[in-house]
Amino acid sequence: MLDKITFAKRYSKVLFELLESNNQVEDGYNELLQIKQVFVNNSDLGNSLTDVSFPEEYKLKLVKPLIDGINTEAIKNLFNVLLQSNNMDEFVLIVDEFEQLYNEKNKIVNAVAITAVPLSDDQKENLSNVLKTRMDARKVILNNKIDQSIVGGVIIKSSNVVFDGSLRTKINNIKKLLLN
């Protein structure tokens, strides 16, 4: 049996390729985000649709309005496959993996700037522009999280990359130097 991440990656990759070949990536992506929001807003929906003790006829009645609202055939088929195989609890993970593929293709980078105090709009814009250049991105979606324990400076986290310019790290490095 596949682990959940591998399962989600396979399905999202195939879905992405199908939509790309039909020139439907943008429409499909927007549709997936809308459906994902329904699952996020109803946190038990995926598990309920996966529960084998929940009668199939009720599952179909529950998701019929959702399926009827799907315009992209490949997404509708994915939804039906997941429903019939009792894997609806993987839907949000598949959308998350699809979003990564979408962002890679469009050179969109999601980053978190951790600071001791909130960044101003100008600081966010400047930081986004620096990250665009450093990460060869067309667009940077920057979220600011506050963590007063870093004392000052900024820590940038994006995918597998971390830029740590925090004062806490600098102080810790000086401590290590003085102790050795």
N, C-alpha and C. Protein backbone atom coordinates (compact mmCIF):
# COMPACT_ATOMS: atom_id res chain seq x y z
N MET A 1 0.84 -1.18 0.00
CA MET A 1 0.00 0.00 0.00
C MET A 1 0.89 1.25 0.00
N LEU A 2 0.53 2.21 -0.81
CA LEU A 2 1.30 3.45 -0.92
C LEU A 2 1.12 4.32 0.32
N ASP A 3 2.21 5.03 0.68
CA ASP A 3 2.02 6.01 1.75
C ASP A 3 1.25 7.20 1.16
N LYS A 4 0.70 8.01 2.03
CA LYS A 4 -0.19 9.09 1.59
C LYS A 4 0.50 10.10 0.68
N ILE A 5 1.73 10.45 0.99
CA ILE A 5 2.45 11.44 0.18
C ILE A 5 2.70 10.90 -1.22
N THR A 6 3.16 9.67 -1.32
CA THR A 6 3.42 9.06 -2.63
C THR A 6 2.12 8.98 -3.42
N PHE A 7 1.06 8.56 -2.77
CA PHE A 7 -0.26 8.48 -3.41
C PHE A 7 -0.66 9.85 -3.95
N ALA A 8 -0.56 10.87 -3.12
CA ALA A 8 -0.98 12.22 -3.52
C ALA A 8 -0.10 12.75 -4.65
N LYS A 9 1.19 12.48 -4.58
CA LYS A 9 2.10 12.95 -5.64
C LYS A 9 1.76 12.31 -6.98
N ARG A 10 1.51 11.03 -6.97
CA ARG A 10 1.18 10.33 -8.23
C ARG A 10 -0.09 10.88 -8.85
N TYR A 11 -1.13 11.00 -8.03
CA TYR A 11 -2.41 11.48 -8.57
C TYR A 11 -2.31 12.93 -9.02
N SER A 12 -1.63 13.76 -8.25
CA SER A 12 -1.52 15.17 -8.62
C SER A 12 -0.69 15.33 -9.89
N LYS A 13 0.35 14.52 -10.04
CA LYS A 13 1.19 14.61 -11.24
C LYS A 13 0.39 14.23 -12.48
N VAL A 14 -0.34 13.13 -12.39
CA VAL A 14 -1.15 12.69 -13.54
C VAL A 14 -2.22 13.73 -13.86
N LEU A 15 -2.87 14.24 -12.83
CA LEU A 15 -3.90 15.26 -13.04
C LEU A 15 -3.30 16.50 -13.69
N PHE A 16 -2.13 16.92 -13.19
CA PHE A 16 -1.47 18.10 -13.75
C PHE A 16 -1.15 17.89 -15.23
N GLU A 17 -0.60 16.73 -15.55
CA GLU A 17 -0.25 16.43 -16.94
C GLU A 17 -1.49 16.40 -17.84
N LEU A 18 -2.57 15.81 -17.33
CA LEU A 18 -3.82 15.78 -18.11
C LEU A 18 -4.35 17.19 -18.37
N LEU A 19 -4.37 18.00 -17.33
CA LEU A 19 -4.89 19.36 -17.49
C LEU A 19 -3.97 20.19 -18.38
N GLU A 20 -2.67 19.96 -18.25
CA GLU A 20 -1.72 20.69 -19.09
C GLU A 20 -1.90 20.33 -20.56
N SER A 21 -2.11 19.04 -20.83
CA SER A 21 -2.28 18.62 -22.22
C SER A 21 -3.59 19.15 -22.82
N ASN A 22 -4.56 19.45 -21.96
CA ASN A 22 -5.84 20.01 -22.42
C ASN A 22 -5.90 21.52 -22.26
N ASN A 23 -4.76 22.12 -21.90
CA ASN A 23 -4.69 23.57 -21.68
C ASN A 23 -5.75 24.03 -20.66
N GLN A 24 -5.87 23.25 -19.55
CA GLN A 24 -6.87 23.57 -18.52
C GLN A 24 -6.24 23.74 -17.14
N VAL A 25 -4.95 23.98 -17.09
CA VAL A 25 -4.28 24.05 -15.78
C VAL A 25 -4.85 25.19 -14.93
N GLU A 26 -5.01 26.36 -15.50
CA GLU A 26 -5.50 27.51 -14.72
C GLU A 26 -6.91 27.25 -14.19
N ASP A 27 -7.80 26.84 -15.08
CA ASP A 27 -9.18 26.57 -14.66
C ASP A 27 -9.23 25.45 -13.63
N GLY A 28 -8.46 24.39 -13.90
CA GLY A 28 -8.45 23.25 -12.99
C GLY A 28 -7.89 23.62 -11.63
N TYR A 29 -6.82 24.42 -11.63
CA TYR A 29 -6.21 24.84 -10.38
C TYR A 29 -7.22 25.64 -9.54
N ASN A 30 -7.89 26.57 -10.18
CA ASN A 30 -8.88 27.37 -9.45
C ASN A 30 -10.03 26.51 -8.93
N GLU A 31 -10.44 25.55 -9.72
CA GLU A 31 -11.52 24.65 -9.29
C GLU A 31 -11.08 23.79 -8.11
N LEU A 32 -9.84 23.27 -8.19
CA LEU A 32 -9.31 22.46 -7.09
C LEU A 32 -9.24 23.26 -5.79
N LEU A 33 -8.83 24.52 -5.88
CA LEU A 33 -8.75 25.35 -4.67
C LEU A 33 -10.13 25.58 -4.07
N GLN A 34 -11.13 25.76 -4.93
CA GLN A 34 -12.50 25.96 -4.42
C GLN A 34 -13.01 24.70 -3.72
N ILE A 35 -12.74 23.54 -4.31
CA ILE A 35 -13.20 22.28 -3.71
C ILE A 35 -12.43 22.02 -2.42
N LYS A 36 -11.13 22.31 -2.45
CA LYS A 36 -10.32 22.11 -1.24
C LYS A 36 -10.88 22.94 -0.08
N GLN A 37 -11.33 24.15 -0.40
CA GLN A 37 -11.86 25.01 0.66
C GLN A 37 -13.09 24.37 1.31
N VAL A 38 -13.89 23.65 0.53
CA VAL A 38 -15.05 22.95 1.09
C VAL A 38 -14.57 21.90 2.09
N PHE A 39 -13.50 21.19 1.74
CA PHE A 39 -12.95 20.16 2.63
C PHE A 39 -12.32 20.80 3.87
N VAL A 40 -11.66 21.92 3.69
CA VAL A 40 -11.03 22.61 4.83
C VAL A 40 -12.11 23.14 5.78
N ASN A 41 -13.17 23.69 5.21
CA ASN A 41 -14.26 24.22 6.04
C ASN A 41 -15.06 23.13 6.74
N ASN A 42 -15.02 21.92 6.19
CA ASN A 42 -15.74 20.77 6.76
C ASN A 42 -14.72 19.68 7.03
N SER A 43 -13.99 19.83 8.11
CA SER A 43 -12.81 19.00 8.36
C SER A 43 -13.09 17.50 8.42
N ASP A 44 -14.31 17.09 8.70
CA ASP A 44 -14.63 15.66 8.77
C ASP A 44 -15.11 15.10 7.43
N LEU A 45 -15.26 15.94 6.42
CA LEU A 45 -15.82 15.49 5.14
C LEU A 45 -14.98 14.38 4.50
N GLY A 46 -13.70 14.58 4.39
CA GLY A 46 -12.83 13.58 3.77
C GLY A 46 -12.90 12.24 4.48
N ASN A 47 -12.83 12.27 5.80
CA ASN A 47 -12.88 11.02 6.57
C ASN A 47 -14.25 10.36 6.47
N SER A 48 -15.31 11.17 6.45
CA SER A 48 -16.66 10.60 6.33
C SER A 48 -16.84 9.91 4.98
N LEU A 49 -16.31 10.53 3.93
CA LEU A 49 -16.45 9.96 2.59
C LEU A 49 -15.55 8.74 2.40
N THR A 50 -14.58 8.56 3.27
CA THR A 50 -13.68 7.42 3.21
C THR A 50 -14.17 6.27 4.10
N ASP A 51 -14.99 6.60 5.06
CA ASP A 51 -15.48 5.61 6.03
C ASP A 51 -16.33 4.54 5.33
N VAL A 52 -15.86 3.29 5.38
CA VAL A 52 -16.57 2.21 4.70
C VAL A 52 -17.92 1.88 5.36
N SER A 53 -18.09 2.29 6.61
CA SER A 53 -19.37 2.01 7.28
C SER A 53 -20.44 3.04 6.89
N PHE A 54 -20.03 4.13 6.24
CA PHE A 54 -20.97 5.14 5.77
C PHE A 54 -21.54 4.67 4.42
N PRO A 55 -22.85 4.43 4.32
CA PRO A 55 -23.43 3.86 3.10
C PRO A 55 -23.12 4.69 1.84
N GLU A 56 -22.82 3.97 0.76
CA GLU A 56 -22.45 4.60 -0.51
C GLU A 56 -23.52 5.57 -1.00
N GLU A 57 -24.79 5.19 -0.84
CA GLU A 57 -25.87 6.05 -1.34
C GLU A 57 -25.87 7.41 -0.64
N TYR A 58 -25.51 7.43 0.66
CA TYR A 58 -25.46 8.70 1.38
C TYR A 58 -24.23 9.52 0.96
N LYS A 59 -23.14 8.80 0.70
CA LYS A 59 -21.93 9.49 0.23
C LYS A 59 -22.23 10.22 -1.08
N LEU A 60 -22.88 9.50 -1.99
CA LEU A 60 -23.20 10.09 -3.30
C LEU A 60 -24.13 11.29 -3.16
N LYS A 61 -25.13 11.17 -2.27
CA LYS A 61 -26.04 12.30 -2.06
C LYS A 61 -25.30 13.50 -1.47
N LEU A 62 -24.34 13.19 -0.59
CA LEU A 62 -23.58 14.25 0.07
C LEU A 62 -22.70 15.02 -0.91
N VAL A 63 -22.08 14.32 -1.84
CA VAL A 63 -21.12 14.98 -2.74
C VAL A 63 -21.72 15.36 -4.10
N LYS A 64 -22.96 14.96 -4.36
CA LYS A 64 -23.56 15.25 -5.66
C LYS A 64 -23.50 16.74 -6.01
N PRO A 65 -23.87 17.65 -5.11
CA PRO A 65 -23.77 19.07 -5.48
C PRO A 65 -22.33 19.50 -5.78
N LEU A 66 -21.39 18.90 -5.08
CA LEU A 66 -19.99 19.22 -5.32
C LEU A 66 -19.54 18.72 -6.69
N ILE A 67 -19.89 17.46 -7.01
CA ILE A 67 -19.51 16.88 -8.31
C ILE A 67 -20.21 17.63 -9.45
N ASP A 68 -21.47 17.96 -9.25
CA ASP A 68 -22.22 18.68 -10.30
C ASP A 68 -21.61 20.05 -10.58
N GLY A 69 -20.94 20.63 -9.60
CA GLY A 69 -20.34 21.95 -9.78
C GLY A 69 -18.97 21.91 -10.43
N ILE A 70 -18.42 20.72 -10.63
CA ILE A 70 -17.08 20.59 -11.23
C ILE A 70 -17.22 20.67 -12.75
N ASN A 71 -16.50 21.60 -13.37
CA ASN A 71 -16.56 21.77 -14.82
C ASN A 71 -15.47 21.01 -15.57
N THR A 72 -14.36 20.74 -14.90
CA THR A 72 -13.23 20.09 -15.55
C THR A 72 -13.40 18.57 -15.44
N GLU A 73 -13.46 17.92 -16.60
CA GLU A 73 -13.75 16.48 -16.63
C GLU A 73 -12.72 15.66 -15.86
N ALA A 74 -11.45 16.00 -15.99
CA ALA A 74 -10.40 15.23 -15.31
C ALA A 74 -10.55 15.33 -13.79
N ILE A 75 -10.96 16.48 -13.30
CA ILE A 75 -11.16 16.65 -11.85
C ILE A 75 -12.40 15.88 -11.40
N LYS A 76 -13.42 15.92 -12.22
CA LYS A 76 -14.63 15.15 -11.92
C LYS A 76 -14.29 13.66 -11.86
N ASN A 77 -13.49 13.19 -12.80
CA ASN A 77 -13.09 11.78 -12.80
C ASN A 77 -12.23 11.44 -11.58
N LEU A 78 -11.31 12.34 -11.24
CA LEU A 78 -10.49 12.12 -10.03
C LEU A 78 -11.39 11.99 -8.81
N PHE A 79 -12.35 12.90 -8.71
CA PHE A 79 -13.26 12.89 -7.58
C PHE A 79 -14.01 11.55 -7.50
N ASN A 80 -14.50 11.08 -8.63
CA ASN A 80 -15.23 9.81 -8.65
C ASN A 80 -14.32 8.62 -8.31
N VAL A 81 -13.09 8.65 -8.82
CA VAL A 81 -12.15 7.55 -8.52
C VAL A 81 -11.84 7.52 -7.03
N LEU A 82 -11.58 8.68 -6.44
CA LEU A 82 -11.28 8.74 -5.01
C LEU A 82 -12.48 8.30 -4.18
N LEU A 83 -13.65 8.69 -4.62
CA LEU A 83 -14.87 8.32 -3.89
C LEU A 83 -15.09 6.80 -3.95
N GLN A 84 -14.96 6.23 -5.13
CA GLN A 84 -15.20 4.79 -5.29
C GLN A 84 -14.13 3.93 -4.62
N SER A 85 -12.93 4.45 -4.49
CA SER A 85 -11.85 3.68 -3.86
C SER A 85 -11.68 4.02 -2.39
N ASN A 86 -12.62 4.79 -1.83
CA ASN A 86 -12.57 5.20 -0.42
C ASN A 86 -11.26 5.89 -0.06
N ASN A 87 -10.84 6.80 -0.93
CA ASN A 87 -9.63 7.58 -0.68
C ASN A 87 -9.90 9.09 -0.65
N MET A 88 -11.13 9.48 -0.35
CA MET A 88 -11.45 10.91 -0.35
C MET A 88 -10.67 11.67 0.73
N ASP A 89 -10.18 10.97 1.74
CA ASP A 89 -9.40 11.66 2.77
C ASP A 89 -8.05 12.14 2.22
N GLU A 90 -7.70 11.72 1.00
CA GLU A 90 -6.44 12.14 0.38
C GLU A 90 -6.62 13.36 -0.52
N PHE A 91 -7.86 13.81 -0.71
CA PHE A 91 -8.12 14.86 -1.69
C PHE A 91 -7.33 16.14 -1.40
N VAL A 92 -7.36 16.61 -0.16
CA VAL A 92 -6.66 17.86 0.17
C VAL A 92 -5.16 17.72 -0.06
N LEU A 93 -4.61 16.58 0.27
CA LEU A 93 -3.18 16.34 0.05
C LEU A 93 -2.86 16.34 -1.45
N ILE A 94 -3.74 15.78 -2.25
CA ILE A 94 -3.54 15.78 -3.71
C ILE A 94 -3.56 17.23 -4.23
N VAL A 95 -4.48 18.03 -3.72
CA VAL A 95 -4.55 19.44 -4.15
C VAL A 95 -3.27 20.18 -3.72
N ASP A 96 -2.79 19.89 -2.51
CA ASP A 96 -1.55 20.53 -2.04
C ASP A 96 -0.37 20.17 -2.96
N GLU A 97 -0.29 18.92 -3.35
CA GLU A 97 0.79 18.49 -4.26
C GLU A 97 0.61 19.12 -5.64
N PHE A 98 -0.63 19.20 -6.09
CA PHE A 98 -0.92 19.86 -7.38
C PHE A 98 -0.47 21.31 -7.31
N GLU A 99 -0.74 21.96 -6.20
CA GLU A 99 -0.35 23.37 -6.03
C GLU A 99 1.17 23.53 -6.12
N GLN A 100 1.91 22.59 -5.59
CA GLN A 100 3.37 22.65 -5.70
C GLN A 100 3.81 22.56 -7.16
N LEU A 101 3.18 21.67 -7.91
CA LEU A 101 3.50 21.55 -9.34
C LEU A 101 3.15 22.85 -10.07
N TYR A 102 2.00 23.40 -9.73
CA TYR A 102 1.55 24.65 -10.34
C TYR A 102 2.55 25.77 -10.04
N ASN A 103 2.96 25.87 -8.79
CA ASN A 103 3.90 26.91 -8.38
C ASN A 103 5.27 26.73 -9.06
N GLU A 104 5.72 25.50 -9.17
CA GLU A 104 7.00 25.24 -9.85
C GLU A 104 6.91 25.69 -11.31
N LYS A 105 5.84 25.33 -11.97
CA LYS A 105 5.69 25.69 -13.39
C LYS A 105 5.63 27.21 -13.57
N ASN A 106 4.98 27.88 -12.66
CA ASN A 106 4.79 29.33 -12.77
C ASN A 106 5.82 30.13 -11.97
N LYS A 107 6.82 29.45 -11.44
CA LYS A 107 7.88 30.09 -10.65
C LYS A 107 7.31 30.97 -9.54
N ILE A 108 6.39 30.37 -8.79
CA ILE A 108 5.80 31.05 -7.64
C ILE A 108 6.42 30.44 -6.38
N VAL A 109 6.91 31.29 -5.51
CA VAL A 109 7.55 30.83 -4.28
C VAL A 109 6.72 31.29 -3.09
N ASN A 110 6.39 30.36 -2.21
CA ASN A 110 5.75 30.69 -0.94
C ASN A 110 6.85 30.77 0.10
N ALA A 111 6.86 31.85 0.85
CA ALA A 111 7.89 32.01 1.89
C ALA A 111 7.26 32.58 3.15
N VAL A 112 7.90 32.28 4.25
CA VAL A 112 7.50 32.82 5.54
C VAL A 112 8.66 33.63 6.08
N ALA A 113 8.39 34.87 6.44
CA ALA A 113 9.40 35.72 7.07
C ALA A 113 9.08 35.78 8.55
N ILE A 114 9.96 35.22 9.36
CA ILE A 114 9.76 35.23 10.81
C ILE A 114 10.55 36.40 11.38
N THR A 115 9.84 37.29 12.05
CA THR A 115 10.48 38.48 12.61
C THR A 115 10.00 38.68 14.05
N ALA A 116 10.73 39.49 14.79
CA ALA A 116 10.35 39.78 16.18
C ALA A 116 9.20 40.78 16.23
N VAL A 117 9.11 41.64 15.21
CA VAL A 117 8.02 42.63 15.11
C VAL A 117 7.42 42.53 13.71
N PRO A 118 6.17 42.93 13.55
CA PRO A 118 5.56 42.84 12.21
C PRO A 118 6.31 43.69 11.18
N LEU A 119 6.42 43.17 9.95
CA LEU A 119 7.04 43.90 8.85
C LEU A 119 6.04 44.91 8.30
N SER A 120 6.53 46.06 7.87
CA SER A 120 5.66 47.04 7.20
C SER A 120 5.42 46.54 5.77
N ASP A 121 4.47 47.16 5.09
CA ASP A 121 4.20 46.78 3.69
C ASP A 121 5.43 47.01 2.81
N ASP A 122 6.14 48.11 3.05
CA ASP A 122 7.36 48.39 2.27
C ASP A 122 8.42 47.32 2.51
N GLN A 123 8.58 46.94 3.77
CA GLN A 123 9.57 45.91 4.09
C GLN A 123 9.21 44.57 3.43
N LYS A 124 7.92 44.24 3.46
CA LYS A 124 7.48 43.00 2.80
C LYS A 124 7.77 43.04 1.31
N GLU A 125 7.47 44.17 0.70
CA GLU A 125 7.69 44.31 -0.74
C GLU A 125 9.18 44.22 -1.07
N ASN A 126 10.01 44.90 -0.28
CA ASN A 126 11.45 44.85 -0.51
C ASN A 126 11.99 43.43 -0.34
N LEU A 127 11.53 42.77 0.71
CA LEU A 127 11.97 41.40 0.96
C LEU A 127 11.51 40.46 -0.16
N SER A 128 10.29 40.66 -0.63
CA SER A 128 9.77 39.84 -1.73
C SER A 128 10.61 40.04 -2.99
N ASN A 129 10.98 41.29 -3.25
CA ASN A 129 11.80 41.57 -4.44
C ASN A 129 13.18 40.92 -4.33
N VAL A 130 13.77 40.95 -3.15
CA VAL A 130 15.07 40.30 -2.94
C VAL A 130 14.94 38.79 -3.16
N LEU A 131 13.88 38.22 -2.61
CA LEU A 131 13.67 36.77 -2.75
C LEU A 131 13.41 36.38 -4.21
N LYS A 132 12.68 37.23 -4.93
CA LYS A 132 12.43 36.96 -6.36
C LYS A 132 13.75 36.80 -7.09
N THR A 133 14.66 37.72 -6.83
CA THR A 133 15.96 37.68 -7.50
C THR A 133 16.77 36.47 -7.06
N ARG A 134 16.86 36.26 -5.74
CA ARG A 134 17.69 35.16 -5.23
C ARG A 134 17.16 33.79 -5.61
N MET A 135 15.83 33.67 -5.70
CA MET A 135 15.23 32.36 -5.95
C MET A 135 14.75 32.22 -7.40
N ASP A 136 15.08 33.20 -8.24
CA ASP A 136 14.68 33.18 -9.65
C ASP A 136 13.19 32.91 -9.80
N ALA A 137 12.39 33.67 -9.04
CA ALA A 137 10.94 33.49 -9.04
C ALA A 137 10.26 34.65 -9.76
N ARG A 138 9.09 34.37 -10.31
CA ARG A 138 8.28 35.43 -10.91
C ARG A 138 7.44 36.12 -9.86
N LYS A 139 7.06 35.33 -8.85
CA LYS A 139 6.19 35.87 -7.82
C LYS A 139 6.57 35.24 -6.48
N VAL A 140 6.56 36.04 -5.43
CA VAL A 140 6.82 35.53 -4.08
C VAL A 140 5.59 35.85 -3.24
N ILE A 141 5.04 34.83 -2.63
CA ILE A 141 3.93 35.01 -1.69
C ILE A 141 4.55 34.94 -0.31
N LEU A 142 4.63 36.10 0.34
CA LEU A 142 5.35 36.21 1.60
C LEU A 142 4.37 36.39 2.76
N ASN A 143 4.46 35.50 3.73
CA ASN A 143 3.68 35.63 4.95
C ASN A 143 4.62 36.01 6.08
N ASN A 144 4.17 36.86 6.95
CA ASN A 144 4.99 37.33 8.07
C ASN A 144 4.47 36.70 9.36
N LYS A 145 5.35 35.98 10.03
CA LYS A 145 4.99 35.41 11.34
C LYS A 145 5.85 36.09 12.39
N ILE A 146 5.25 36.35 13.51
CA ILE A 146 5.95 37.04 14.59
C ILE A 146 6.43 36.02 15.62
N ASP A 147 7.71 36.10 15.94
CA ASP A 147 8.30 35.26 16.98
C ASP A 147 9.34 36.11 17.72
N GLN A 148 8.93 36.61 18.87
CA GLN A 148 9.80 37.53 19.60
C GLN A 148 11.06 36.85 20.13
N SER A 149 11.08 35.52 20.14
CA SER A 149 12.26 34.81 20.64
C SER A 149 13.47 34.96 19.71
N ILE A 150 13.25 35.40 18.46
CA ILE A 150 14.41 35.57 17.58
C ILE A 150 15.12 36.91 17.85
N VAL A 151 14.57 37.71 18.71
CA VAL A 151 15.11 38.98 19.20
C VAL A 151 15.10 40.06 18.12
N GLY A 152 15.69 39.81 16.96
CA GLY A 152 15.74 40.78 15.87
C GLY A 152 16.16 40.09 14.60
N GLY A 153 16.20 40.85 13.50
CA GLY A 153 16.57 40.26 12.22
C GLY A 153 15.39 39.51 11.61
N VAL A 154 15.69 38.59 10.72
CA VAL A 154 14.63 37.86 10.04
C VAL A 154 15.10 36.46 9.69
N ILE A 155 14.19 35.52 9.76
CA ILE A 155 14.41 34.15 9.28
C ILE A 155 13.43 33.95 8.13
N ILE A 156 13.94 33.55 6.97
CA ILE A 156 13.10 33.28 5.82
C ILE A 156 13.07 31.77 5.59
N LYS A 157 11.87 31.22 5.53
CA LYS A 157 11.71 29.80 5.24
C LYS A 157 10.88 29.64 3.97
N SER A 158 11.40 28.85 3.05
CA SER A 158 10.69 28.58 1.81
C SER A 158 11.08 27.20 1.32
N SER A 159 10.10 26.34 1.15
CA SER A 159 10.35 24.96 0.73
C SER A 159 11.48 24.36 1.57
N ASN A 160 12.60 24.05 0.96
CA ASN A 160 13.71 23.44 1.69
C ASN A 160 14.81 24.44 2.00
N VAL A 161 14.53 25.73 1.79
CA VAL A 161 15.56 26.76 1.98
C VAL A 161 15.25 27.59 3.22
N VAL A 162 16.28 27.82 4.02
CA VAL A 162 16.15 28.68 5.20
C VAL A 162 17.29 29.70 5.17
N PHE A 163 16.92 30.98 5.21
CA PHE A 163 17.89 32.05 5.38
C PHE A 163 17.73 32.56 6.81
N ASP A 164 18.73 32.34 7.64
CA ASP A 164 18.60 32.74 9.04
C ASP A 164 19.47 33.95 9.31
N GLY A 165 18.85 35.10 9.35
CA GLY A 165 19.54 36.34 9.69
C GLY A 165 19.04 36.87 11.01
N SER A 166 18.65 35.96 11.91
CA SER A 166 18.11 36.40 13.19
C SER A 166 19.22 36.78 14.16
N LEU A 167 18.90 37.69 15.04
CA LEU A 167 19.85 38.11 16.07
C LEU A 167 20.11 36.96 17.04
N ARG A 168 19.10 36.15 17.30
CA ARG A 168 19.26 34.99 18.19
C ARG A 168 20.36 34.07 17.66
N THR A 169 20.35 33.78 16.38
CA THR A 169 21.37 32.90 15.79
C THR A 169 22.75 33.54 15.87
N LYS A 170 22.82 34.84 15.60
CA LYS A 170 24.11 35.53 15.68
C LYS A 170 24.65 35.49 17.10
N ILE A 171 23.79 35.71 18.09
CA ILE A 171 24.22 35.66 19.50
C ILE A 171 24.70 34.25 19.85
N ASN A 172 23.94 33.24 19.40
CA ASN A 172 24.35 31.85 19.66
C ASN A 172 25.69 31.52 19.01
N ASN A 173 25.93 32.04 17.80
CA ASN A 173 27.22 31.80 17.14
C ASN A 173 28.37 32.46 17.91
N ILE A 174 28.13 33.65 18.43
CA ILE A 174 29.16 34.33 19.22
C ILE A 174 29.43 33.54 20.50
N LYS A 175 28.36 33.03 21.13
CA LYS A 175 28.52 32.21 22.35
C LYS A 175 29.40 31.00 22.06
N LYS A 176 29.14 30.34 20.93
CA LYS A 176 29.94 29.15 20.56
C LYS A 176 31.41 29.53 20.39
N LEU A 177 31.64 30.68 19.76
CA LEU A 177 33.02 31.13 19.56
C LEU A 177 33.71 31.40 20.89
N LEU A 178 33.01 32.02 21.80
CA LEU A 178 33.60 32.37 23.09
C LEU A 178 33.82 31.15 23.97
N LEU A 179 32.99 30.13 23.82
CA LEU A 179 33.13 28.92 24.64
C LEU A 179 34.22 27.99 24.12
N ASN A 180 34.58 28.13 22.87
CA ASN A 180 35.62 27.24 22.31
C ASN A 180 36.99 27.81 22.46
